[in-house]
Amino acid sequence: MVGVITLTTIGYGDVYQVTVAGKIIGAGVAILGIAVYAIPSMATAFTEELRKKRSQNNKCPHCGKEIPDLSS
């Protein structure tokens, strides 16, 4: 339980679970808290990066100038 609390950076002080069931529930709630807050923000960041890459398909990644289409 101490490992889960450390990894989730909750770090509570003098209040802690004593029973095995309480420790399991506490660990589950801590991990669920990460899922509720961190995963959506990570998904938003990934989506934004993909959108940027798709909009810069025909631009030079270094200077941003248009690259002419030479395939035709």
C-alpha atoms as a PDB file:
ATOM      1  CA  MET A   1       0.000   0.000   0.000  1.00  0.00           C
ATOM      2  CA  VAL A   2       2.808   2.401   0.790  1.00  0.00           C
ATOM      3  CA  GLY A   3       4.192   1.865  -2.716  1.00  0.00           C
ATOM      4  CA  VAL A   4       0.878   2.733  -4.356  1.00  0.00           C
ATOM      5  CA  ILE A   5       0.495   5.851  -2.233  1.00  0.00           C
ATOM      6  CA  THR A   6       4.035   6.913  -3.107  1.00  0.00           C
ATOM      7  CA  LEU A   7       3.561   6.280  -6.850  1.00  0.00           C
ATOM      8  CA  THR A   8       0.273   8.163  -6.948  1.00  0.00           C
ATOM      9  CA  THR A   9       1.860  11.036  -4.952  1.00  0.00           C
ATOM     10  CA  ILE A  10      -0.995  11.184  -2.455  1.00  0.00           C
ATOM     11  CA  GLY A  11       1.348  11.033   0.518  1.00  0.00           C
ATOM     12  CA  TYR A  12      -1.151  11.158   3.356  1.00  0.00           C
ATOM     13  CA  GLY A  13       0.267  11.576   6.832  1.00  0.00           C
ATOM     14  CA  ASP A  14      -1.314  10.327  10.044  1.00  0.00           C
ATOM     15  CA  VAL A  15      -4.502   8.855   8.515  1.00  0.00           C
ATOM     16  CA  TYR A  16      -4.079   5.482   6.830  1.00  0.00           C
ATOM     17  CA  GLN A  17      -5.886   2.201   6.286  1.00  0.00           C
ATOM     18  CA  VAL A  18      -5.405  -0.562   8.817  1.00  0.00           C
ATOM     19  CA  THR A  19      -7.337  -3.504   7.392  1.00  0.00           C
ATOM     20  CA  VAL A  20      -6.394  -5.437   4.268  1.00  0.00           C
ATOM     21  CA  ALA A  21      -9.730  -4.558   2.633  1.00  0.00           C
ATOM     22  CA  GLY A  22      -9.175  -0.878   3.391  1.00  0.00           C
ATOM     23  CA  LYS A  23      -5.697  -0.995   1.873  1.00  0.00           C
ATOM     24  CA  ILE A  24      -7.003  -2.653  -1.300  1.00  0.00           C
ATOM     25  CA  ILE A  25      -9.857  -0.162  -1.648  1.00  0.00           C
ATOM     26  CA  GLY A  26      -7.498   2.736  -0.952  1.00  0.00           C
ATOM     27  CA  ALA A  27      -5.062   1.534  -3.617  1.00  0.00           C
ATOM     28  CA  GLY A  28      -7.898   1.132  -6.108  1.00  0.00           C
ATOM     29  CA  VAL A  29      -9.222   4.618  -5.451  1.00  0.00           C
ATOM     30  CA  ALA A  30      -5.725   6.099  -5.792  1.00  0.00           C
ATOM     31  CA  ILE A  31      -5.154   4.386  -9.153  1.00  0.00           C
ATOM     32  CA  LEU A  32      -8.656   5.312 -10.336  1.00  0.00           C
ATOM     33  CA  GLY A  33      -7.884   8.929  -9.447  1.00  0.00           C
ATOM     34  CA  ILE A  34      -4.912   8.884 -11.806  1.00  0.00           C
ATOM     35  CA  ALA A  35      -7.074   7.417 -14.556  1.00  0.00           C
ATOM     36  CA  VAL A  36      -9.757  10.069 -14.106  1.00  0.00           C
ATOM     37  CA  TYR A  37      -7.410  13.077 -14.164  1.00  0.00           C
ATOM     38  CA  ALA A  38      -4.237  12.142 -16.047  1.00  0.00           C
ATOM     39  CA  ILE A  39      -5.409  10.002 -18.947  1.00  0.00           C
ATOM     40  CA  PRO A  40      -7.803  12.576 -20.487  1.00  0.00           C
ATOM     41  CA  SER A  41      -5.136  15.295 -20.408  1.00  0.00           C
ATOM     42  CA  MET A  42      -2.609  12.949 -22.009  1.00  0.00           C
ATOM     43  CA  ALA A  43      -5.124  12.013 -24.705  1.00  0.00           C
ATOM     44  CA  THR A  44      -5.717  15.705 -25.426  1.00  0.00           C
ATOM     45  CA  ALA A  45      -1.979  16.325 -25.799  1.00  0.00           C
ATOM     46  CA  PHE A  46      -1.567  13.375 -28.174  1.00  0.00           C
ATOM     47  CA  THR A  47      -4.551  14.486 -30.253  1.00  0.00           C
ATOM     48  CA  GLU A  48      -3.174  18.015 -30.517  1.00  0.00           C
ATOM     49  CA  GLU A  49       0.213  16.745 -31.702  1.00  0.00           C
ATOM     50  CA  LEU A  50      -1.439  14.551 -34.342  1.00  0.00           C
ATOM     51  CA  ARG A  51      -3.496  17.512 -35.557  1.00  0.00           C
ATOM     52  CA  LYS A  52      -0.330  19.612 -35.875  1.00  0.00           C
ATOM     53  CA  LYS A  53       1.466  16.924 -37.868  1.00  0.00           C
ATOM     54  CA  ARG A  54      -1.470  16.463 -40.233  1.00  0.00           C
ATOM     55  CA  SER A  55      -1.744  20.194 -40.909  1.00  0.00           C
ATOM     56  CA  GLN A  56       1.981  20.431 -41.714  1.00  0.00           C
ATOM     57  CA  ASN A  57       2.055  17.594 -44.251  1.00  0.00           C
ATOM     58  CA  ASN A  58       3.406  19.690 -47.128  1.00  0.00           C
ATOM     59  CA  LYS A  59       5.499  22.104 -45.067  1.00  0.00           C
ATOM     60  CA  CYS A  60       9.192  21.906 -44.291  1.00  0.00           C
ATOM     61  CA  PRO A  61       9.591  20.812 -40.635  1.00  0.00           C
ATOM     62  CA  HIS A  62      12.549  23.183 -40.215  1.00  0.00           C
ATOM     63  CA  CYS A  63      11.487  26.463 -41.823  1.00  0.00           C
ATOM     64  CA  GLY A  64       7.745  25.985 -42.392  1.00  0.00           C
ATOM     65  CA  LYS A  65       7.829  26.871 -46.100  1.00  0.00           C
ATOM     66  CA  GLU A  66       5.483  25.110 -48.506  1.00  0.00           C
ATOM     67  CA  ILE A  67       7.047  22.135 -50.298  1.00  0.00           C
ATOM     68  CA  PRO A  68       5.848  21.879 -53.900  1.00  0.00           C
ATOM     69  CA  ASP A  69       4.133  18.632 -54.920  1.00  0.00           C
ATOM     70  CA  LEU A  70       6.467  16.970 -57.447  1.00  0.00           C
ATOM     71  CA  SER A  71       4.477  13.770 -57.844  1.00  0.00           C
ATOM     72  CA  SER A  72       2.497  14.961 -60.888  1.00  0.00           C
END
